[in-house]
Amino acid sequence: MGYVEAIQRWQLLSAGTQQQLRWQAIPKQVADSMAFEGEPVDLAWLTKLHPPTPPAGFKPAGESSATRN
């Protein structure tokens, strides 16, 4: 699958599904970033610390009233 197909598949997902996938990707992104900086962190430990679903009342940055103009 090329990048165009990947983008099209992403756009077909509901906003809730996109948010859930972004949330679930956070531990891996943090682990990758820390490894790049030369300070590896155990992915299992990060996953244990990071709840599987966003906390109640969580709003993504794009939906926060603080970021609206």
C-alpha atoms as a PDB file:
ATOM      1  CA  MET A   1       0.000   0.000   0.000  1.00  0.00           C
ATOM      2  CA  GLY A   2       1.349   3.388  -0.951  1.00  0.00           C
ATOM      3  CA  TYR A   3       1.072   6.578   1.055  1.00  0.00           C
ATOM      4  CA  VAL A   4      -1.927   7.807  -0.973  1.00  0.00           C
ATOM      5  CA  GLU A   5      -3.896   4.658  -0.152  1.00  0.00           C
ATOM      6  CA  ALA A   6      -2.876   4.908   3.513  1.00  0.00           C
ATOM      7  CA  ILE A   7      -4.113   8.505   3.671  1.00  0.00           C
ATOM      8  CA  GLN A   8      -7.388   7.571   1.997  1.00  0.00           C
ATOM      9  CA  ARG A   9      -7.947   4.691   4.439  1.00  0.00           C
ATOM     10  CA  TRP A  10      -7.214   7.026   7.370  1.00  0.00           C
ATOM     11  CA  GLN A  11      -9.688   9.605   6.084  1.00  0.00           C
ATOM     12  CA  LEU A  12     -12.416   6.961   5.843  1.00  0.00           C
ATOM     13  CA  LEU A  13     -12.127   6.209   9.571  1.00  0.00           C
ATOM     14  CA  SER A  14     -14.474   7.943  11.984  1.00  0.00           C
ATOM     15  CA  ALA A  15     -13.074  10.743  14.132  1.00  0.00           C
ATOM     16  CA  GLY A  16     -13.454   8.560  17.215  1.00  0.00           C
ATOM     17  CA  THR A  17     -11.481   5.720  15.647  1.00  0.00           C
ATOM     18  CA  GLN A  18      -8.740   8.132  14.546  1.00  0.00           C
ATOM     19  CA  GLN A  19      -8.507   9.515  18.094  1.00  0.00           C
ATOM     20  CA  GLN A  20      -8.330   6.014  19.584  1.00  0.00           C
ATOM     21  CA  LEU A  21      -5.564   4.964  17.176  1.00  0.00           C
ATOM     22  CA  ARG A  22      -3.583   8.135  17.909  1.00  0.00           C
ATOM     23  CA  TRP A  23      -3.957   7.540  21.654  1.00  0.00           C
ATOM     24  CA  GLN A  24      -2.838   3.904  21.382  1.00  0.00           C
ATOM     25  CA  ALA A  25       0.239   4.932  19.373  1.00  0.00           C
ATOM     26  CA  ILE A  26       1.619   7.240  22.098  1.00  0.00           C
ATOM     27  CA  PRO A  27       3.707   4.654  24.034  1.00  0.00           C
ATOM     28  CA  LYS A  28       5.471   3.456  20.851  1.00  0.00           C
ATOM     29  CA  GLN A  29       6.120   7.039  19.739  1.00  0.00           C
ATOM     30  CA  VAL A  30       7.642   7.883  23.114  1.00  0.00           C
ATOM     31  CA  ALA A  31       9.779   4.719  23.100  1.00  0.00           C
ATOM     32  CA  ASP A  32      10.999   5.448  19.560  1.00  0.00           C
ATOM     33  CA  SER A  33      11.806   9.054  20.454  1.00  0.00           C
ATOM     34  CA  MET A  34      13.711   8.075  23.589  1.00  0.00           C
ATOM     35  CA  ALA A  35      15.668   5.403  21.696  1.00  0.00           C
ATOM     36  CA  PHE A  36      16.590   7.971  19.036  1.00  0.00           C
ATOM     37  CA  GLU A  37      17.937  10.233  21.783  1.00  0.00           C
ATOM     38  CA  GLY A  38      20.062   7.370  23.104  1.00  0.00           C
ATOM     39  CA  GLU A  39      17.940   6.805  26.214  1.00  0.00           C
ATOM     40  CA  PRO A  40      15.888   3.687  25.438  1.00  0.00           C
ATOM     41  CA  VAL A  41      12.791   3.023  27.535  1.00  0.00           C
ATOM     42  CA  ASP A  42      11.006  -0.307  27.825  1.00  0.00           C
ATOM     43  CA  LEU A  43       7.881  -0.228  25.642  1.00  0.00           C
ATOM     44  CA  ALA A  44       6.076  -2.662  27.977  1.00  0.00           C
ATOM     45  CA  TRP A  45       6.687  -0.287  30.901  1.00  0.00           C
ATOM     46  CA  LEU A  46       5.360   2.706  28.940  1.00  0.00           C
ATOM     47  CA  THR A  47       2.314   0.727  27.830  1.00  0.00           C
ATOM     48  CA  LYS A  48       1.629  -0.205  31.451  1.00  0.00           C
ATOM     49  CA  LEU A  49       1.792   3.476  32.490  1.00  0.00           C
ATOM     50  CA  HIS A  50      -0.347   4.735  29.618  1.00  0.00           C
ATOM     51  CA  PRO A  51      -4.056   3.864  29.956  1.00  0.00           C
ATOM     52  CA  PRO A  52      -5.553   2.021  26.958  1.00  0.00           C
ATOM     53  CA  THR A  53      -8.250   4.662  26.522  1.00  0.00           C
ATOM     54  CA  PRO A  54      -8.162   8.431  26.994  1.00  0.00           C
ATOM     55  CA  PRO A  55      -9.290   9.672  30.400  1.00  0.00           C
ATOM     56  CA  ALA A  56     -12.832  11.022  30.749  1.00  0.00           C
ATOM     57  CA  GLY A  57     -13.061  14.585  29.516  1.00  0.00           C
ATOM     58  CA  PHE A  58      -9.931  14.254  27.342  1.00  0.00           C
ATOM     59  CA  LYS A  59      -9.986  16.573  24.344  1.00  0.00           C
ATOM     60  CA  PRO A  60      -7.395  16.363  21.566  1.00  0.00           C
ATOM     61  CA  ALA A  61      -5.365  19.538  21.048  1.00  0.00           C
ATOM     62  CA  GLY A  62      -7.416  20.492  17.989  1.00  0.00           C
ATOM     63  CA  GLU A  63     -10.634  20.379  20.007  1.00  0.00           C
ATOM     64  CA  SER A  64      -9.446  22.275  23.069  1.00  0.00           C
ATOM     65  CA  SER A  65     -11.112  25.605  23.708  1.00  0.00           C
ATOM     66  CA  ALA A  66      -7.701  27.008  24.670  1.00  0.00           C
ATOM     67  CA  THR A  67      -6.415  26.564  21.117  1.00  0.00           C
ATOM     68  CA  ARG A  68      -9.369  28.119  19.332  1.00  0.00           C
ATOM     69  CA  ASN A  69      -9.004  31.631  17.965  1.00  0.00           C
END
